[in-house]
Amino acid sequence: MHQAVTSVQGVAWVQNSNILAAFEDVSRHSALDKLIGHGIREGYDWQQGFTLISSHAGYKMVAKAAAMDIGGFAAVSSPTELAVRLAEQAGMALIGFVREQRFTVYTYPQYIVK
């Protein structure tokens, strides 16, 4: 018997170096939607933390975060060129290639506290 392997995407809300909430789904968009819904119910101040995703920062994900006025968006992989432009227009810090001790800042480095 073969067992199916399902890949999931993760999204977390990080504030003051703490993960306050994390959600998984087979769709990264659905995982982000879950996080946004949770944040609305909990009254998150979207300017006081950032979203961390387990995939690349595509423009649709960044646009969804920008629509919520989320101040920071970090991904374990690269952002697309359009995502960088959208983040810049939205005033959002965009970070890619997040690892334990390093990351690449694409927009608004002045928002990043190390």
PDB file of N, CA and C in Angstrom:
ATOM      1  N   MET A   1       0.841  -1.166   0.000  1.00  0.00           N
ATOM      2  CA  MET A   1       0.000   0.000   0.000  1.00  0.00           C
ATOM      3  C   MET A   1       0.895   1.240   0.000  1.00  0.00           C
ATOM      4  N   HIS A   2       0.584   2.172  -0.892  1.00  0.00           N
ATOM      5  CA  HIS A   2       1.319   3.429  -0.958  1.00  0.00           C
ATOM      6  C   HIS A   2       0.569   4.494  -0.186  1.00  0.00           C
ATOM      7  N   GLN A   3       1.337   5.288   0.518  1.00  0.00           N
ATOM      8  CA  GLN A   3       0.737   6.367   1.279  1.00  0.00           C
ATOM      9  C   GLN A   3       0.989   7.679   0.551  1.00  0.00           C
ATOM     10  N   ALA A   4      -0.049   8.464   0.396  1.00  0.00           N
ATOM     11  CA  ALA A   4       0.076   9.751  -0.280  1.00  0.00           C
ATOM     12  C   ALA A   4       0.838  10.730   0.601  1.00  0.00           C
ATOM     13  N   VAL A   5       1.686  11.518  -0.024  1.00  0.00           N
ATOM     14  CA  VAL A   5       2.419  12.557   0.683  1.00  0.00           C
ATOM     15  C   VAL A   5       1.830  13.897   0.260  1.00  0.00           C
ATOM     16  N   THR A   6       1.417  14.661   1.220  1.00  0.00           N
ATOM     17  CA  THR A   6       0.814  15.956   0.942  1.00  0.00           C
ATOM     18  C   THR A   6       1.737  17.056   1.450  1.00  0.00           C
ATOM     19  N   SER A   7       1.994  18.003   0.586  1.00  0.00           N
ATOM     20  CA  SER A   7       2.830  19.140   0.957  1.00  0.00           C
ATOM     21  C   SER A   7       1.934  20.254   1.463  1.00  0.00           C
ATOM     22  N   VAL A   8       2.348  20.888   2.535  1.00  0.00           N
ATOM     23  CA  VAL A   8       1.589  22.017   3.065  1.00  0.00           C
ATOM     24  C   VAL A   8       2.484  23.247   3.118  1.00  0.00           C
ATOM     25  N   GLN A   9       1.835  24.388   3.124  1.00  0.00           N
ATOM     26  CA  GLN A   9       2.525  25.665   3.251  1.00  0.00           C
ATOM     27  C   GLN A   9       2.205  26.247   4.617  1.00  0.00           C
ATOM     28  N   GLY A  10       3.151  26.930   5.194  1.00  0.00           N
ATOM     29  CA  GLY A  10       2.951  27.537   6.495  1.00  0.00           C
ATOM     30  C   GLY A  10       3.043  29.046   6.440  1.00  0.00           C
ATOM     31  N   VAL A  11       2.261  29.687   7.290  1.00  0.00           N
ATOM     32  CA  VAL A  11       2.274  31.139   7.433  1.00  0.00           C
ATOM     33  C   VAL A  11       2.223  31.447   8.927  1.00  0.00           C
ATOM     34  N   ALA A  12       3.043  32.398   9.351  1.00  0.00           N
ATOM     35  CA  ALA A  12       3.071  32.759  10.771  1.00  0.00           C
ATOM     36  C   ALA A  12       3.026  34.276  10.922  1.00  0.00           C
ATOM     37  N   TRP A  13       2.504  34.710  12.067  1.00  0.00           N
ATOM     38  CA  TRP A  13       2.563  36.121  12.448  1.00  0.00           C
ATOM     39  C   TRP A  13       3.616  36.237  13.540  1.00  0.00           C
ATOM     40  N   VAL A  14       4.604  37.093  13.304  1.00  0.00           N
ATOM     41  CA  VAL A  14       5.721  37.260  14.222  1.00  0.00           C
ATOM     42  C   VAL A  14       5.704  38.678  14.763  1.00  0.00           C
ATOM     43  N   GLN A  15       5.813  38.779  16.083  1.00  0.00           N
ATOM     44  CA  GLN A  15       5.841  40.086  16.727  1.00  0.00           C
ATOM     45  C   GLN A  15       6.814  40.013  17.896  1.00  0.00           C
ATOM     46  N   ASN A  16       7.715  40.981  17.976  1.00  0.00           N
ATOM     47  CA  ASN A  16       8.718  41.001  19.046  1.00  0.00           C
ATOM     48  C   ASN A  16       9.483  39.675  19.145  1.00  0.00           C
ATOM     49  N   SER A  17       9.869  39.144  18.008  1.00  0.00           N
ATOM     50  CA  SER A  17      10.632  37.885  17.908  1.00  0.00           C
ATOM     51  C   SER A  17       9.868  36.657  18.378  1.00  0.00           C
ATOM     52  N   ASN A  18       8.560  36.769  18.534  1.00  0.00           N
ATOM     53  CA  ASN A  18       7.728  35.641  18.957  1.00  0.00           C
ATOM     54  C   ASN A  18       6.702  35.310  17.889  1.00  0.00           C
ATOM     55  N   ILE A  19       6.514  34.027  17.640  1.00  0.00           N
ATOM     56  CA  ILE A  19       5.451  33.597  16.733  1.00  0.00           C
ATOM     57  C   ILE A  19       4.154  33.587  17.538  1.00  0.00           C
ATOM     58  N   LEU A  20       3.242  34.489  17.186  1.00  0.00           N
ATOM     59  CA  LEU A  20       1.971  34.592  17.906  1.00  0.00           C
ATOM     60  C   LEU A  20       0.916  33.650  17.344  1.00  0.00           C
ATOM     61  N   ALA A  21       1.017  33.342  16.052  1.00  0.00           N
ATOM     62  CA  ALA A  21       0.050  32.445  15.420  1.00  0.00           C
ATOM     63  C   ALA A  21       0.695  31.827  14.188  1.00  0.00           C
ATOM     64  N   ALA A  22       0.309  30.602  13.884  1.00  0.00           N
ATOM     65  CA  ALA A  22       0.806  29.922  12.685  1.00  0.00           C
ATOM     66  C   ALA A  22      -0.314  29.060  12.118  1.00  0.00           C
ATOM     67  N   PHE A  23      -0.388  29.019  10.796  1.00  0.00           N
ATOM     68  CA  PHE A  23      -1.416  28.254  10.111  1.00  0.00           C
ATOM     69  C   PHE A  23      -0.798  27.514   8.937  1.00  0.00           C
ATOM     70  N   GLU A  24      -1.347  26.351   8.634  1.00  0.00           N
ATOM     71  CA  GLU A  24      -0.896  25.553   7.500  1.00  0.00           C
ATOM     72  C   GLU A  24      -2.086  25.239   6.606  1.00  0.00           C
ATOM     73  N   ASP A  25      -1.780  25.047   5.332  1.00  0.00           N
ATOM     74  CA  ASP A  25      -2.789  24.628   4.374  1.00  0.00           C
ATOM     75  C   ASP A  25      -2.048  24.133   3.137  1.00  0.00           C
ATOM     76  N   VAL A  26      -2.719  23.357   2.310  1.00  0.00           N
ATOM     77  CA  VAL A  26      -2.087  22.935   1.058  1.00  0.00           C
ATOM     78  C   VAL A  26      -1.937  24.129   0.123  1.00  0.00           C
ATOM     79  N   SER A  27      -2.712  25.160   0.347  1.00  0.00           N
ATOM     80  CA  SER A  27      -2.626  26.394  -0.427  1.00  0.00           C
ATOM     81  C   SER A  27      -2.009  27.491   0.436  1.00  0.00           C
ATOM     82  N   ARG A  28      -0.950  28.092  -0.056  1.00  0.00           N
ATOM     83  CA  ARG A  28      -0.330  29.173   0.714  1.00  0.00           C
ATOM     84  C   ARG A  28      -1.276  30.358   0.849  1.00  0.00           C
ATOM     85  N   HIS A  29      -2.119  30.563  -0.146  1.00  0.00           N
ATOM     86  CA  HIS A  29      -3.099  31.653  -0.071  1.00  0.00           C
ATOM     87  C   HIS A  29      -4.127  31.381   1.024  1.00  0.00           C
ATOM     88  N   SER A  30      -4.567  30.147   1.126  1.00  0.00           N
ATOM     89  CA  SER A  30      -5.532  29.793   2.183  1.00  0.00           C
ATOM     90  C   SER A  30      -4.893  29.913   3.558  1.00  0.00           C
ATOM     91  N   ALA A  31      -3.622  29.538   3.658  1.00  0.00           N
ATOM     92  CA  ALA A  31      -2.927  29.677   4.946  1.00  0.00           C
ATOM     93  C   ALA A  31      -2.852  31.153   5.341  1.00  0.00           C
ATOM     94  N   LEU A  32      -2.546  32.026   4.382  1.00  0.00           N
ATOM     95  CA  LEU A  32      -2.501  33.461   4.673  1.00  0.00           C
ATOM     96  C   LEU A  32      -3.889  33.983   5.031  1.00  0.00           C
ATOM     97  N   ASP A  33      -4.910  33.511   4.338  1.00  0.00           N
ATOM     98  CA  ASP A  33      -6.283  33.916   4.669  1.00  0.00           C
ATOM     99  C   ASP A  33      -6.645  33.534   6.099  1.00  0.00           C
ATOM    100  N   LYS A  34      -6.246  32.343   6.514  1.00  0.00           N
ATOM    101  CA  LYS A  34      -6.496  31.907   7.893  1.00  0.00           C
ATOM    102  C   LYS A  34      -5.814  32.840   8.886  1.00  0.00           C
ATOM    103  N   LEU A  35      -4.575  33.196   8.593  1.00  0.00           N
ATOM    104  CA  LEU A  35      -3.835  34.098   9.473  1.00  0.00           C
ATOM    105  C   LEU A  35      -4.502  35.468   9.541  1.00  0.00           C
ATOM    106  N   ILE A  36      -4.899  35.985   8.409  1.00  0.00           N
ATOM    107  CA  ILE A  36      -5.546  37.299   8.374  1.00  0.00           C
ATOM    108  C   ILE A  36      -6.858  37.269   9.158  1.00  0.00           C
ATOM    109  N   GLY A  37      -7.661  36.238   8.954  1.00  0.00           N
ATOM    110  CA  GLY A  37      -8.906  36.119   9.706  1.00  0.00           C
ATOM    111  C   GLY A  37      -8.662  36.053  11.202  1.00  0.00           C
ATOM    112  N   HIS A  38      -7.661  35.274  11.600  1.00  0.00           N
ATOM    113  CA  HIS A  38      -7.306  35.172  13.013  1.00  0.00           C
ATOM    114  C   HIS A  38      -6.849  36.531  13.551  1.00  0.00           C
ATOM    115  N   GLY A  39      -6.010  37.216  12.779  1.00  0.00           N
ATOM    116  CA  GLY A  39      -5.506  38.518  13.210  1.00  0.00           C
ATOM    117  C   GLY A  39      -6.596  39.557  13.358  1.00  0.00           C
ATOM    118  N   ILE A  40      -7.573  39.502  12.487  1.00  0.00           N
ATOM    119  CA  ILE A  40      -8.702  40.424  12.593  1.00  0.00           C
ATOM    120  C   ILE A  40      -9.489  40.141  13.872  1.00  0.00           C
ATOM    121  N   ARG A  41      -9.753  38.857  14.132  1.00  0.00           N
ATOM    122  CA  ARG A  41     -10.496  38.482  15.348  1.00  0.00           C
ATOM    123  C   ARG A  41      -9.739  38.862  16.621  1.00  0.00           C
ATOM    124  N   GLU A  42      -8.410  38.737  16.578  1.00  0.00           N
ATOM    125  CA  GLU A  42      -7.588  39.023  17.753  1.00  0.00           C
ATOM    126  C   GLU A  42      -7.206  40.498  17.863  1.00  0.00           C
ATOM    127  N   GLY A  43      -7.498  41.280  16.845  1.00  0.00           N
ATOM    128  CA  GLY A  43      -7.187  42.703  16.872  1.00  0.00           C
ATOM    129  C   GLY A  43      -5.711  43.020  16.679  1.00  0.00           C
ATOM    130  N   TYR A  44      -5.021  42.242  15.862  1.00  0.00           N
ATOM    131  CA  TYR A  44      -3.600  42.497  15.629  1.00  0.00           C
ATOM    132  C   TYR A  44      -3.365  43.890  15.049  1.00  0.00           C
ATOM    133  N   ASP A  45      -2.311  44.517  15.497  1.00  0.00           N
ATOM    134  CA  ASP A  45      -1.834  45.752  14.889  1.00  0.00           C
ATOM    135  C   ASP A  45      -0.838  45.314  13.818  1.00  0.00           C
ATOM    136  N   TRP A  46      -1.262  45.354  12.584  1.00  0.00           N
ATOM    137  CA  TRP A  46      -0.461  44.816  11.481  1.00  0.00           C
ATOM    138  C   TRP A  46       0.845  45.556  11.260  1.00  0.00           C
ATOM    139  N   GLN A  47       1.030  46.685  11.878  1.00  0.00           N
ATOM    140  CA  GLN A  47       2.281  47.435  11.748  1.00  0.00           C
ATOM    141  C   GLN A  47       3.307  47.035  12.805  1.00  0.00           C
ATOM    142  N   GLN A  48       2.929  46.195  13.741  1.00  0.00           N
ATOM    143  CA  GLN A  48       3.818  45.853  14.856  1.00  0.00           C
ATOM    144  C   GLN A  48       4.461  44.480  14.728  1.00  0.00           C
ATOM    145  N   GLY A  49       4.451  43.909  13.553  1.00  0.00           N
ATOM    146  CA  GLY A  49       5.063  42.606  13.351  1.00  0.00           C
ATOM    147  C   GLY A  49       5.196  42.334  11.869  1.00  0.00           C
ATOM    148  N   PHE A  50       5.327  41.058  11.530  1.00  0.00           N
ATOM    149  CA  PHE A  50       5.438  40.698  10.122  1.00  0.00           C
ATOM    150  C   PHE A  50       4.919  39.294   9.880  1.00  0.00           C
ATOM    151  N   THR A  51       4.596  39.045   8.630  1.00  0.00           N
ATOM    152  CA  THR A  51       4.152  37.736   8.187  1.00  0.00           C
ATOM    153  C   THR A  51       5.368  36.968   7.685  1.00  0.00           C
ATOM    154  N   LEU A  52       5.471  35.720   8.070  1.00  0.00           N
ATOM    155  CA  LEU A  52       6.540  34.828   7.616  1.00  0.00           C
ATOM    156  C   LEU A  52       5.894  33.673   6.883  1.00  0.00           C
ATOM    157  N   ILE A  53       6.335  33.419   5.640  1.00  0.00           N
ATOM    158  CA  ILE A  53       5.754  32.324   4.861  1.00  0.00           C
ATOM    159  C   ILE A  53       6.834  31.316   4.473  1.00  0.00           C
ATOM    160  N   SER A  54       6.389  30.086   4.266  1.00  0.00           N
ATOM    161  CA  SER A  54       7.316  28.992   3.981  1.00  0.00           C
ATOM    162  C   SER A  54       7.575  28.808   2.493  1.00  0.00           C
ATOM    163  N   SER A  55       7.215  29.775   1.689  1.00  0.00           N
ATOM    164  CA  SER A  55       7.413  29.666   0.249  1.00  0.00           C
ATOM    165  C   SER A  55       8.006  30.970  -0.282  1.00  0.00           C
ATOM    166  N   HIS A  56       7.895  31.177  -1.576  1.00  0.00           N
ATOM    167  CA  HIS A  56       8.389  32.436  -2.143  1.00  0.00           C
ATOM    168  C   HIS A  56       7.354  33.541  -1.954  1.00  0.00           C
ATOM    169  N   ALA A  57       7.781  34.763  -2.116  1.00  0.00           N
ATOM    170  CA  ALA A  57       6.896  35.924  -1.961  1.00  0.00           C
ATOM    171  C   ALA A  57       6.385  36.342  -3.330  1.00  0.00           C
ATOM    172  N   GLY A  58       5.291  35.748  -3.731  1.00  0.00           N
ATOM    173  CA  GLY A  58       4.675  36.110  -4.996  1.00  0.00           C
ATOM    174  C   GLY A  58       3.874  37.397  -4.873  1.00  0.00           C
ATOM    175  N   TYR A  59       3.596  38.017  -6.003  1.00  0.00           N
ATOM    176  CA  TYR A  59       2.930  39.312  -5.956  1.00  0.00           C
ATOM    177  C   TYR A  59       1.519  39.217  -5.388  1.00  0.00           C
ATOM    178  N   LYS A  60       0.817  38.111  -5.601  1.00  0.00           N
ATOM    179  CA  LYS A  60      -0.541  37.994  -5.063  1.00  0.00           C
ATOM    180  C   LYS A  60      -0.523  37.915  -3.540  1.00  0.00           C
ATOM    181  N   MET A  61       0.458  37.225  -2.999  1.00  0.00           N
ATOM    182  CA  MET A  61       0.578  37.139  -1.537  1.00  0.00           C
ATOM    183  C   MET A  61       0.920  38.507  -0.954  1.00  0.00           C
ATOM    184  N   VAL A  62       1.853  39.207  -1.583  1.00  0.00           N
ATOM    185  CA  VAL A  62       2.250  40.534  -1.122  1.00  0.00           C
ATOM    186  C   VAL A  62       1.085  41.509  -1.269  1.00  0.00           C
ATOM    187  N   ALA A  63       0.335  41.410  -2.348  1.00  0.00           N
ATOM    188  CA  ALA A  63      -0.818  42.288  -2.545  1.00  0.00           C
ATOM    189  C   ALA A  63      -1.867  42.057  -1.466  1.00  0.00           C
ATOM    190  N   LYS A  64      -2.089  40.806  -1.098  1.00  0.00           N
ATOM    191  CA  LYS A  64      -3.056  40.480  -0.045  1.00  0.00           C
ATOM    192  C   LYS A  64      -2.601  41.071   1.290  1.00  0.00           C
ATOM    193  N   ALA A  65      -1.314  40.950   1.583  1.00  0.00           N
ATOM    194  CA  ALA A  65      -0.763  41.512   2.819  1.00  0.00           C
ATOM    195  C   ALA A  65      -0.837  43.041   2.791  1.00  0.00           C
ATOM    196  N   ALA A  66      -0.539  43.637   1.657  1.00  0.00           N
ATOM    197  CA  ALA A  66      -0.595  45.095   1.529  1.00  0.00           C
ATOM    198  C   ALA A  66      -2.019  45.605   1.710  1.00  0.00           C
ATOM    199  N   ALA A  67      -3.003  44.854   1.225  1.00  0.00           N
ATOM    200  CA  ALA A  67      -4.405  45.251   1.384  1.00  0.00           C
ATOM    201  C   ALA A  67      -4.801  45.296   2.857  1.00  0.00           C
ATOM    202  N   MET A  68      -4.126  44.503   3.694  1.00  0.00           N
ATOM    203  CA  MET A  68      -4.393  44.503   5.132  1.00  0.00           C
ATOM    204  C   MET A  68      -3.496  45.503   5.863  1.00  0.00           C
ATOM    205  N   ASP A  69      -2.621  46.182   5.131  1.00  0.00           N
ATOM    206  CA  ASP A  69      -1.672  47.144   5.693  1.00  0.00           C
ATOM    207  C   ASP A  69      -0.668  46.464   6.629  1.00  0.00           C
ATOM    208  N   ILE A  70      -0.283  45.236   6.277  1.00  0.00           N
ATOM    209  CA  ILE A  70       0.743  44.521   7.029  1.00  0.00           C
ATOM    210  C   ILE A  70       2.085  45.186   6.732  1.00  0.00           C
ATOM    211  N   GLY A  71       2.820  45.527   7.765  1.00  0.00           N
ATOM    212  CA  GLY A  71       4.046  46.299   7.607  1.00  0.00           C
ATOM    213  C   GLY A  71       5.256  45.529   7.126  1.00  0.00           C
ATOM    214  N   GLY A  72       5.263  44.207   7.307  1.00  0.00           N
ATOM    215  CA  GLY A  72       6.416  43.413   6.907  1.00  0.00           C
ATOM    216  C   GLY A  72       6.018  42.045   6.402  1.00  0.00           C
ATOM    217  N   PHE A  73       6.736  41.576   5.401  1.00  0.00           N
ATOM    218  CA  PHE A  73       6.452  40.286   4.777  1.00  0.00           C
ATOM    219  C   PHE A  73       7.777  39.590   4.531  1.00  0.00           C
ATOM    220  N   ALA A  74       7.946  38.418   5.112  1.00  0.00           N
ATOM    221  CA  ALA A  74       9.194  37.670   4.988  1.00  0.00           C
ATOM    222  C   ALA A  74       8.911  36.287   4.424  1.00  0.00           C
ATOM    223  N   ALA A  75       9.813  35.806   3.582  1.00  0.00           N
ATOM    224  CA  ALA A  75       9.647  34.507   2.945  1.00  0.00           C
ATOM    225  C   ALA A  75      10.960  33.731   2.994  1.00  0.00           C
ATOM    226  N   VAL A  76      10.853  32.421   3.022  1.00  0.00           N
ATOM    227  CA  VAL A  76      12.064  31.606   3.049  1.00  0.00           C
ATOM    228  C   VAL A  76      12.724  31.510   1.680  1.00  0.00           C
ATOM    229  N   SER A  77      12.021  31.941   0.651  1.00  0.00           N
ATOM    230  CA  SER A  77      12.566  31.927  -0.697  1.00  0.00           C
ATOM    231  C   SER A  77      12.542  33.350  -1.263  1.00  0.00           C
ATOM    232  N   SER A  78      12.689  33.455  -2.557  1.00  0.00           N
ATOM    233  CA  SER A  78      12.819  34.768  -3.190  1.00  0.00           C
ATOM    234  C   SER A  78      11.468  35.435  -3.439  1.00  0.00           C
ATOM    235  N   PRO A  79      11.468  36.754  -3.532  1.00  0.00           N
ATOM    236  CA  PRO A  79      10.278  37.457  -3.994  1.00  0.00           C
ATOM    237  C   PRO A  79      10.330  37.588  -5.514  1.00  0.00           C
ATOM    238  N   THR A  80       9.175  37.771  -6.114  1.00  0.00           N
ATOM    239  CA  THR A  80       9.160  38.066  -7.538  1.00  0.00           C
ATOM    240  C   THR A  80       9.436  39.560  -7.722  1.00  0.00           C
ATOM    241  N   GLU A  81       9.794  39.943  -8.929  1.00  0.00           N
ATOM    242  CA  GLU A  81      10.073  41.356  -9.207  1.00  0.00           C
ATOM    243  C   GLU A  81       8.835  42.208  -8.964  1.00  0.00           C
ATOM    244  N   LEU A  82       7.678  41.710  -9.370  1.00  0.00           N
ATOM    245  CA  LEU A  82       6.443  42.458  -9.155  1.00  0.00           C
ATOM    246  C   LEU A  82       6.126  42.571  -7.665  1.00  0.00           C
ATOM    247  N   ALA A  83       6.416  41.536  -6.899  1.00  0.00           N
ATOM    248  CA  ALA A  83       6.194  41.593  -5.448  1.00  0.00           C
ATOM    249  C   ALA A  83       7.047  42.684  -4.816  1.00  0.00           C
ATOM    250  N   VAL A  84       8.275  42.835  -5.273  1.00  0.00           N
ATOM    251  CA  VAL A  84       9.157  43.881  -4.754  1.00  0.00           C
ATOM    252  C   VAL A  84       8.562  45.254  -5.061  1.00  0.00           C
ATOM    253  N   ARG A  85       8.097  45.442  -6.283  1.00  0.00           N
ATOM    254  CA  ARG A  85       7.502  46.738  -6.653  1.00  0.00           C
ATOM    255  C   ARG A  85       6.242  47.031  -5.831  1.00  0.00           C
ATOM    256  N   LEU A  86       5.399  46.015  -5.641  1.00  0.00           N
ATOM    257  CA  LEU A  86       4.181  46.202  -4.850  1.00  0.00           C
ATOM    258  C   LEU A  86       4.503  46.546  -3.401  1.00  0.00           C
ATOM    259  N   ALA A  87       5.466  45.840  -2.828  1.00  0.00           N
ATOM    260  CA  ALA A  87       5.856  46.120  -1.439  1.00  0.00           C
ATOM    261  C   ALA A  87       6.393  47.537  -1.307  1.00  0.00           C
ATOM    262  N   GLU A  88       7.179  47.950  -2.279  1.00  0.00           N
ATOM    263  CA  GLU A  88       7.734  49.299  -2.258  1.00  0.00           C
ATOM    264  C   GLU A  88       6.616  50.342  -2.306  1.00  0.00           C
ATOM    265  N   GLN A  89       5.651  50.151  -3.191  1.00  0.00           N
ATOM    266  CA  GLN A  89       4.520  51.083  -3.314  1.00  0.00           C
ATOM    267  C   GLN A  89       3.659  51.093  -2.055  1.00  0.00           C
ATOM    268  N   ALA A  90       3.545  49.946  -1.391  1.00  0.00           N
ATOM    269  CA  ALA A  90       2.698  49.827  -0.205  1.00  0.00           C
ATOM    270  C   ALA A  90       3.393  50.268   1.072  1.00  0.00           C
ATOM    271  N   GLY A  91       4.692  50.559   1.016  1.00  0.00           N
ATOM    272  CA  GLY A  91       5.427  50.936   2.218  1.00  0.00           C
ATOM    273  C   GLY A  91       5.710  49.737   3.114  1.00  0.00           C
ATOM    274  N   MET A  92       5.783  48.560   2.524  1.00  0.00           N
ATOM    275  CA  MET A  92       5.971  47.314   3.260  1.00  0.00           C
ATOM    276  C   MET A  92       7.420  46.835   3.157  1.00  0.00           C
ATOM    277  N   ALA A  93       7.984  46.446   4.292  1.00  0.00           N
ATOM    278  CA  ALA A  93       9.309  45.824   4.283  1.00  0.00           C
ATOM    279  C   ALA A  93       9.154  44.418   3.711  1.00  0.00           C
ATOM    280  N   LEU A  94       9.959  44.091   2.709  1.00  0.00           N
ATOM    281  CA  LEU A  94       9.910  42.773   2.078  1.00  0.00           C
ATOM    282  C   LEU A  94      11.262  42.101   2.247  1.00  0.00           C
ATOM    283  N   ILE A  95      11.228  40.886   2.778  1.00  0.00           N
ATOM    284  CA  ILE A  95      12.446  40.147   3.105  1.00  0.00           C
ATOM    285  C   ILE A  95      12.359  38.771   2.453  1.00  0.00           C
ATOM    286  N   GLY A  96      13.464  38.322   1.894  1.00  0.00           N
ATOM    287  CA  GLY A  96      13.499  37.000   1.289  1.00  0.00           C
ATOM    288  C   GLY A  96      14.669  36.188   1.799  1.00  0.00           C
ATOM    289  N   PHE A  97      14.697  34.941   1.428  1.00  0.00           N
ATOM    290  CA  PHE A  97      15.766  34.006   1.785  1.00  0.00           C
ATOM    291  C   PHE A  97      16.046  34.004   3.292  1.00  0.00           C
ATOM    292  N   VAL A  98      14.977  33.960   4.071  1.00  0.00           N
ATOM    293  CA  VAL A  98      15.102  33.979   5.531  1.00  0.00           C
ATOM    294  C   VAL A  98      15.705  32.661   6.013  1.00  0.00           C
ATOM    295  N   ARG A  99      16.786  32.782   6.759  1.00  0.00           N
ATOM    296  CA  ARG A  99      17.444  31.640   7.400  1.00  0.00           C
ATOM    297  C   ARG A  99      17.658  32.008   8.862  1.00  0.00           C
ATOM    298  N   GLU A 100      18.176  31.102   9.634  1.00  0.00           N
ATOM    299  CA  GLU A 100      18.318  31.340  11.068  1.00  0.00           C
ATOM    300  C   GLU A 100      19.143  32.582  11.386  1.00  0.00           C
ATOM    301  N   GLN A 101      20.233  32.791  10.705  1.00  0.00           N
ATOM    302  CA  GLN A 101      21.123  33.911  11.028  1.00  0.00           C
ATOM    303  C   GLN A 101      21.282  34.929   9.896  1.00  0.00           C
ATOM    304  N   ARG A 102      20.484  34.803   8.834  1.00  0.00           N
ATOM    305  CA  ARG A 102      20.642  35.755   7.730  1.00  0.00           C
ATOM    306  C   ARG A 102      19.349  35.874   6.929  1.00  0.00           C
ATOM    307  N   PHE A 103      19.244  36.961   6.173  1.00  0.00           N
ATOM    308  CA  PHE A 103      18.108  37.202   5.293  1.00  0.00           C
ATOM    309  C   PHE A 103      18.484  38.322   4.344  1.00  0.00           C
ATOM    310  N   THR A 104      17.701  38.509   3.306  1.00  0.00           N
ATOM    311  CA  THR A 104      17.923  39.568   2.324  1.00  0.00           C
ATOM    312  C   THR A 104      16.746  40.533   2.373  1.00  0.00           C
ATOM    313  N   VAL A 105      17.041  41.816   2.568  1.00  0.00           N
ATOM    314  CA  VAL A 105      15.997  42.843   2.631  1.00  0.00           C
ATOM    315  C   VAL A 105      15.878  43.486   1.244  1.00  0.00           C
ATOM    316  N   TYR A 106      14.663  43.503   0.709  1.00  0.00           N
ATOM    317  CA  TYR A 106      14.422  44.050  -0.628  1.00  0.00           C
ATOM    318  C   TYR A 106      13.823  45.451  -0.581  1.00  0.00           C
ATOM    319  N   THR A 107      13.022  45.738   0.407  1.00  0.00           N
ATOM    320  CA  THR A 107      12.413  47.070   0.520  1.00  0.00           C
ATOM    321  C   THR A 107      12.411  47.529   1.965  1.00  0.00           C
ATOM    322  N   TYR A 108      12.529  48.804   2.163  1.00  0.00           N
ATOM    323  CA  TYR A 108      12.446  49.460   3.465  1.00  0.00           C
ATOM    324  C   TYR A 108      13.335  48.833   4.550  1.00  0.00           C
ATOM    325  N   PRO A 109      14.640  48.800   4.312  1.00  0.00           N
ATOM    326  CA  PRO A 109      15.554  48.229   5.328  1.00  0.00           C
ATOM    327  C   PRO A 109      15.516  49.000   6.652  1.00  0.00           C
ATOM    328  N   GLN A 110      15.102  50.256   6.616  1.00  0.00           N
ATOM    329  CA  GLN A 110      15.039  51.051   7.833  1.00  0.00           C
ATOM    330  C   GLN A 110      13.987  50.519   8.811  1.00  0.00           C
ATOM    331  N   TYR A 111      13.059  49.697   8.340  1.00  0.00           N
ATOM    332  CA  TYR A 111      12.043  49.116   9.214  1.00  0.00           C
ATOM    333  C   TYR A 111      12.540  47.880   9.971  1.00  0.00           C
ATOM    334  N   ILE A 112      13.690  47.377   9.575  1.00  0.00           N
ATOM    335  CA  ILE A 112      14.179  46.117  10.113  1.00  0.00           C
ATOM    336  C   ILE A 112      15.059  46.392  11.338  1.00  0.00           C
ATOM    337  N   VAL A 113      14.708  45.778  12.446  1.00  0.00           N
ATOM    338  CA  VAL A 113      15.500  45.888  13.674  1.00  0.00           C
ATOM    339  C   VAL A 113      16.202  44.552  13.872  1.00  0.00           C
ATOM    340  N   LYS A 114      17.530  44.607  13.909  1.00  0.00           N
ATOM    341  CA  LYS A 114      18.291  43.350  14.051  1.00  0.00           C
ATOM    342  C   LYS A 114      18.627  43.092  15.481  1.00  0.00           C
TER     343      LYS A 114
END
